[in-house]
């Protein structure tokens, strides 16, 4: 599962792999509050754009 983050124009900035045991929506909310460029996000089974490893 992946969290994909988008800017205000709807362009994909990056995707993050959701690790086992982590709630995807919680991770997405955390990323969105920490990064000013992230306007919205989605959760999916496949990544879009560059995949970031944490």
PDB file of N, CA and C in Angstrom:
ATOM      1  N   UNK A   1       0.844  -1.158   0.000  1.00  0.00           N
ATOM      2  CA  UNK A   1       0.000   0.000   0.000  1.00  0.00           C
ATOM      3  C   UNK A   1       0.904   1.240   0.000  1.00  0.00           C
ATOM      4  N   UNK A   2       0.416   2.295  -0.654  1.00  0.00           N
ATOM      5  CA  UNK A   2       1.193   3.524  -0.799  1.00  0.00           C
ATOM      6  C   UNK A   2       0.342   4.748  -0.490  1.00  0.00           C
ATOM      7  N   UNK A   3       0.991   5.767   0.061  1.00  0.00           N
ATOM      8  CA  UNK A   3       0.391   7.091   0.213  1.00  0.00           C
ATOM      9  C   UNK A   3       1.042   7.961  -0.846  1.00  0.00           C
ATOM     10  N   UNK A   4       0.245   8.548  -1.722  1.00  0.00           N
ATOM     11  CA  UNK A   4       0.762   9.423  -2.774  1.00  0.00           C
ATOM     12  C   UNK A   4       0.370  10.856  -2.446  1.00  0.00           C
ATOM     13  N   UNK A   5       1.351  11.753  -2.505  1.00  0.00           N
ATOM     14  CA  UNK A   5       1.136  13.153  -2.133  1.00  0.00           C
ATOM     15  C   UNK A   5       1.167  14.043  -3.375  1.00  0.00           C
ATOM     16  N   UNK A   6       0.267  15.021  -3.408  1.00  0.00           N
ATOM     17  CA  UNK A   6       0.102  15.908  -4.559  1.00  0.00           C
ATOM     18  C   UNK A   6       0.226  17.373  -4.135  1.00  0.00           C
ATOM     19  N   UNK A   7       0.623  18.203  -5.078  1.00  0.00           N
ATOM     20  CA  UNK A   7       0.665  19.650  -4.808  1.00  0.00           C
ATOM     21  C   UNK A   7      -0.688  20.275  -5.129  1.00  0.00           C
ATOM     22  N   UNK A   8      -0.781  21.591  -5.021  1.00  0.00           N
ATOM     23  CA  UNK A   8      -2.032  22.304  -5.253  1.00  0.00           C
ATOM     24  C   UNK A   8      -2.540  22.237  -6.679  1.00  0.00           C
ATOM     25  N   UNK A   9      -1.670  21.861  -7.626  1.00  0.00           N
ATOM     26  CA  UNK A   9      -2.069  21.735  -9.029  1.00  0.00           C
ATOM     27  C   UNK A   9      -2.460  20.309  -9.388  1.00  0.00           C
ATOM     28  N   UNK A  10      -2.373  19.403  -8.419  1.00  0.00           N
ATOM     29  CA  UNK A  10      -2.711  18.005  -8.674  1.00  0.00           C
ATOM     30  C   UNK A  10      -1.570  17.181  -9.221  1.00  0.00           C
ATOM     31  N   UNK A  11      -0.358  17.737  -9.203  1.00  0.00           N
ATOM     32  CA  UNK A  11       0.805  16.999  -9.680  1.00  0.00           C
ATOM     33  C   UNK A  11       1.361  16.127  -8.564  1.00  0.00           C
ATOM     34  N   UNK A  12       1.703  14.904  -8.913  1.00  0.00           N
ATOM     35  CA  UNK A  12       2.259  13.978  -7.932  1.00  0.00           C
ATOM     36  C   UNK A  12       3.648  14.450  -7.506  1.00  0.00           C
ATOM     37  N   UNK A  13       3.852  14.586  -6.206  1.00  0.00           N
ATOM     38  CA  UNK A  13       5.157  14.949  -5.671  1.00  0.00           C
ATOM     39  C   UNK A  13       5.987  13.704  -5.373  1.00  0.00           C
ATOM     40  N   UNK A  14       5.380  12.735  -4.682  1.00  0.00           N
ATOM     41  CA  UNK A  14       6.072  11.493  -4.322  1.00  0.00           C
ATOM     42  C   UNK A  14       5.067  10.509  -3.733  1.00  0.00           C
ATOM     43  N   UNK A  15       5.499   9.258  -3.619  1.00  0.00           N
ATOM     44  CA  UNK A  15       4.715   8.217  -2.955  1.00  0.00           C
ATOM     45  C   UNK A  15       5.562   7.634  -1.834  1.00  0.00           C
ATOM     46  N   UNK A  16       4.900   7.207  -0.781  1.00  0.00           N
ATOM     47  CA  UNK A  16       5.576   6.609   0.370  1.00  0.00           C
ATOM     48  C   UNK A  16       4.982   5.229   0.605  1.00  0.00           C
ATOM     49  N   UNK A  17       5.848   4.237   0.785  1.00  0.00           N
ATOM     50  CA  UNK A  17       5.395   2.891   1.098  1.00  0.00           C
ATOM     51  C   UNK A  17       4.881   2.854   2.531  1.00  0.00           C
ATOM     52  N   UNK A  18       3.712   2.278   2.728  1.00  0.00           N
ATOM     53  CA  UNK A  18       3.138   2.146   4.065  1.00  0.00           C
ATOM     54  C   UNK A  18       3.619   0.820   4.645  1.00  0.00           C
ATOM     55  N   UNK A  19       4.320   0.889   5.760  1.00  0.00           N
ATOM     56  CA  UNK A  19       4.842  -0.315   6.396  1.00  0.00           C
ATOM     57  C   UNK A  19       3.737  -1.088   7.107  1.00  0.00           C
ATOM     58  N   UNK A  20       3.997  -2.364   7.306  1.00  0.00           N
ATOM     59  CA  UNK A  20       3.076  -3.244   8.026  1.00  0.00           C
ATOM     60  C   UNK A  20       2.797  -2.673   9.410  1.00  0.00           C
ATOM     61  N   UNK A  21       1.530  -2.604   9.786  1.00  0.00           N
ATOM     62  CA  UNK A  21       1.139  -2.130  11.106  1.00  0.00           C
ATOM     63  C   UNK A  21       0.918  -0.625  11.210  1.00  0.00           C
ATOM     64  N   UNK A  22       1.172   0.108  10.119  1.00  0.00           N
ATOM     65  CA  UNK A  22       0.983   1.559  10.116  1.00  0.00           C
ATOM     66  C   UNK A  22      -0.334   1.877   9.423  1.00  0.00           C
ATOM     67  N   UNK A  23      -1.133   2.743  10.024  1.00  0.00           N
ATOM     68  CA  UNK A  23      -2.398   3.143   9.413  1.00  0.00           C
ATOM     69  C   UNK A  23      -2.111   4.171   8.319  1.00  0.00           C
ATOM     70  N   UNK A  24      -2.514   3.886   7.099  1.00  0.00           N
ATOM     71  CA  UNK A  24      -2.198   4.729   5.944  1.00  0.00           C
ATOM     72  C   UNK A  24      -2.739   6.152   6.093  1.00  0.00           C
ATOM     73  N   UNK A  25      -3.945   6.299   6.550  1.00  0.00           N
ATOM     74  CA  UNK A  25      -4.538   7.646   6.697  1.00  0.00           C
ATOM     75  C   UNK A  25      -3.787   8.474   7.740  1.00  0.00           C
ATOM     76  N   UNK A  26      -3.349   7.833   8.796  1.00  0.00           N
ATOM     77  CA  UNK A  26      -2.588   8.522   9.837  1.00  0.00           C
ATOM     78  C   UNK A  26      -1.240   8.996   9.287  1.00  0.00           C
ATOM     79  N   UNK A  27      -0.572   8.130   8.524  1.00  0.00           N
ATOM     80  CA  UNK A  27       0.698   8.501   7.899  1.00  0.00           C
ATOM     81  C   UNK A  27       0.497   9.652   6.926  1.00  0.00           C
ATOM     82  N   UNK A  28      -0.534   9.594   6.111  1.00  0.00           N
ATOM     83  CA  UNK A  28      -0.814  10.648   5.136  1.00  0.00           C
ATOM     84  C   UNK A  28      -1.075  11.980   5.831  1.00  0.00           C
ATOM     85  N   UNK A  29      -1.843  11.965   6.894  1.00  0.00           N
ATOM     86  CA  UNK A  29      -2.113  13.183   7.644  1.00  0.00           C
ATOM     87  C   UNK A  29      -0.851  13.772   8.245  1.00  0.00           C
ATOM     88  N   UNK A  30       0.009  12.904   8.750  1.00  0.00           N
ATOM     89  CA  UNK A  30       1.278  13.349   9.325  1.00  0.00           C
ATOM     90  C   UNK A  30       2.153  14.019   8.265  1.00  0.00           C
ATOM     91  N   UNK A  31       2.254  13.407   7.100  1.00  0.00           N
ATOM     92  CA  UNK A  31       3.057  13.973   6.003  1.00  0.00           C
ATOM     93  C   UNK A  31       2.483  15.322   5.569  1.00  0.00           C
ATOM     94  N   UNK A  32       1.170  15.395   5.407  1.00  0.00           N
ATOM     95  CA  UNK A  32       0.535  16.624   4.929  1.00  0.00           C
ATOM     96  C   UNK A  32       0.723  17.788   5.903  1.00  0.00           C
ATOM     97  N   UNK A  33       0.739  17.513   7.205  1.00  0.00           N
ATOM     98  CA  UNK A  33       0.920  18.602   8.167  1.00  0.00           C
ATOM     99  C   UNK A  33       2.373  19.035   8.281  1.00  0.00           C
ATOM    100  N   UNK A  34       3.306  18.183   7.904  1.00  0.00           N
ATOM    101  CA  UNK A  34       4.735  18.493   8.029  1.00  0.00           C
ATOM    102  C   UNK A  34       5.335  19.118   6.770  1.00  0.00           C
ATOM    103  N   UNK A  35       4.694  18.949   5.623  1.00  0.00           N
ATOM    104  CA  UNK A  35       5.254  19.419   4.355  1.00  0.00           C
ATOM    105  C   UNK A  35       4.291  20.403   3.687  1.00  0.00           C
ATOM    106  N   UNK A  36       4.718  21.637   3.576  1.00  0.00           N
ATOM    107  CA  UNK A  36       3.876  22.723   3.063  1.00  0.00           C
ATOM    108  C   UNK A  36       3.462  22.519   1.602  1.00  0.00           C
ATOM    109  N   UNK A  37       4.255  21.815   0.818  1.00  0.00           N
ATOM    110  CA  UNK A  37       3.934  21.626  -0.600  1.00  0.00           C
ATOM    111  C   UNK A  37       2.814  20.608  -0.826  1.00  0.00           C
ATOM    112  N   UNK A  38       2.559  19.749   0.157  1.00  0.00           N
ATOM    113  CA  UNK A  38       1.529  18.714   0.009  1.00  0.00           C
ATOM    114  C   UNK A  38       0.157  19.335   0.252  1.00  0.00           C
ATOM    115  N   UNK A  39      -0.652  19.357  -0.806  1.00  0.00           N
ATOM    116  CA  UNK A  39      -1.996  19.922  -0.729  1.00  0.00           C
ATOM    117  C   UNK A  39      -3.038  18.841  -0.443  1.00  0.00           C
ATOM    118  N   UNK A  40      -2.871  17.675  -1.060  1.00  0.00           N
ATOM    119  CA  UNK A  40      -3.769  16.556  -0.805  1.00  0.00           C
ATOM    120  C   UNK A  40      -3.036  15.246  -1.066  1.00  0.00           C
ATOM    121  N   UNK A  41      -3.656  14.139  -0.710  1.00  0.00           N
ATOM    122  CA  UNK A  41      -3.022  12.833  -0.809  1.00  0.00           C
ATOM    123  C   UNK A  41      -4.055  11.770  -1.135  1.00  0.00           C
ATOM    124  N   UNK A  42      -3.558  10.588  -1.505  1.00  0.00           N
ATOM    125  CA  UNK A  42      -4.439   9.439  -1.739  1.00  0.00           C
ATOM    126  C   UNK A  42      -3.726   8.176  -1.269  1.00  0.00           C
ATOM    127  N   UNK A  43      -4.512   7.153  -0.982  1.00  0.00           N
ATOM    128  CA  UNK A  43      -3.982   5.851  -0.576  1.00  0.00           C
ATOM    129  C   UNK A  43      -4.357   4.863  -1.667  1.00  0.00           C
ATOM    130  N   UNK A  44      -3.370   4.094  -2.152  1.00  0.00           N
ATOM    131  CA  UNK A  44      -3.640   3.125  -3.217  1.00  0.00           C
ATOM    132  C   UNK A  44      -2.713   1.920  -3.085  1.00  0.00           C
ATOM    133  N   UNK A  45      -2.984   0.911  -3.908  1.00  0.00           N
ATOM    134  CA  UNK A  45      -2.172  -0.304  -3.902  1.00  0.00           C
ATOM    135  C   UNK A  45      -0.928  -0.196  -4.772  1.00  0.00           C
ATOM    136  N   UNK A  46      -0.858   0.831  -5.623  1.00  0.00           N
ATOM    137  CA  UNK A  46       0.317   1.001  -6.481  1.00  0.00           C
ATOM    138  C   UNK A  46       0.796   2.451  -6.409  1.00  0.00           C
ATOM    139  N   UNK A  47       2.118   2.645  -6.501  1.00  0.00           N
ATOM    140  CA  UNK A  47       2.659   4.008  -6.382  1.00  0.00           C
ATOM    141  C   UNK A  47       2.466   4.816  -7.660  1.00  0.00           C
ATOM    142  N   UNK A  48       2.537   6.112  -7.489  1.00  0.00           N
ATOM    143  CA  UNK A  48       2.499   7.043  -8.623  1.00  0.00           C
ATOM    144  C   UNK A  48       3.676   7.991  -8.416  1.00  0.00           C
ATOM    145  N   UNK A  49       4.520   8.133  -9.400  1.00  0.00           N
ATOM    146  CA  UNK A  49       5.683   9.009  -9.249  1.00  0.00           C
ATOM    147  C   UNK A  49       6.799   8.320  -8.490  1.00  0.00           C
ATOM    148  N   UNK A  50       7.733   9.122  -7.965  1.00  0.00           N
ATOM    149  CA  UNK A  50       8.891   8.602  -7.254  1.00  0.00           C
ATOM    150  C   UNK A  50       8.468   8.035  -5.914  1.00  0.00           C
ATOM    151  N   UNK A  51       9.033   6.880  -5.557  1.00  0.00           N
ATOM    152  CA  UNK A  51       8.741   6.249  -4.272  1.00  0.00           C
ATOM    153  C   UNK A  51       9.853   6.636  -3.295  1.00  0.00           C
ATOM    154  N   UNK A  52       9.458   7.222  -2.171  1.00  0.00           N
ATOM    155  CA  UNK A  52      10.391   7.661  -1.136  1.00  0.00           C
ATOM    156  C   UNK A  52      10.479   6.597  -0.075  1.00  0.00           C
ATOM    157  N   UNK A  53      11.688   6.260   0.325  1.00  0.00           N
ATOM    158  CA  UNK A  53      11.876   5.287   1.406  1.00  0.00           C
ATOM    159  C   UNK A  53      12.202   6.025   2.685  1.00  0.00           C
ATOM    160  N   UNK A  54      11.547   5.636   3.750  1.00  0.00           N
ATOM    161  CA  UNK A  54      11.782   6.284   5.053  1.00  0.00           C
ATOM    162  C   UNK A  54      12.484   5.343   6.001  1.00  0.00           C
TER     163      UNK A  54
END
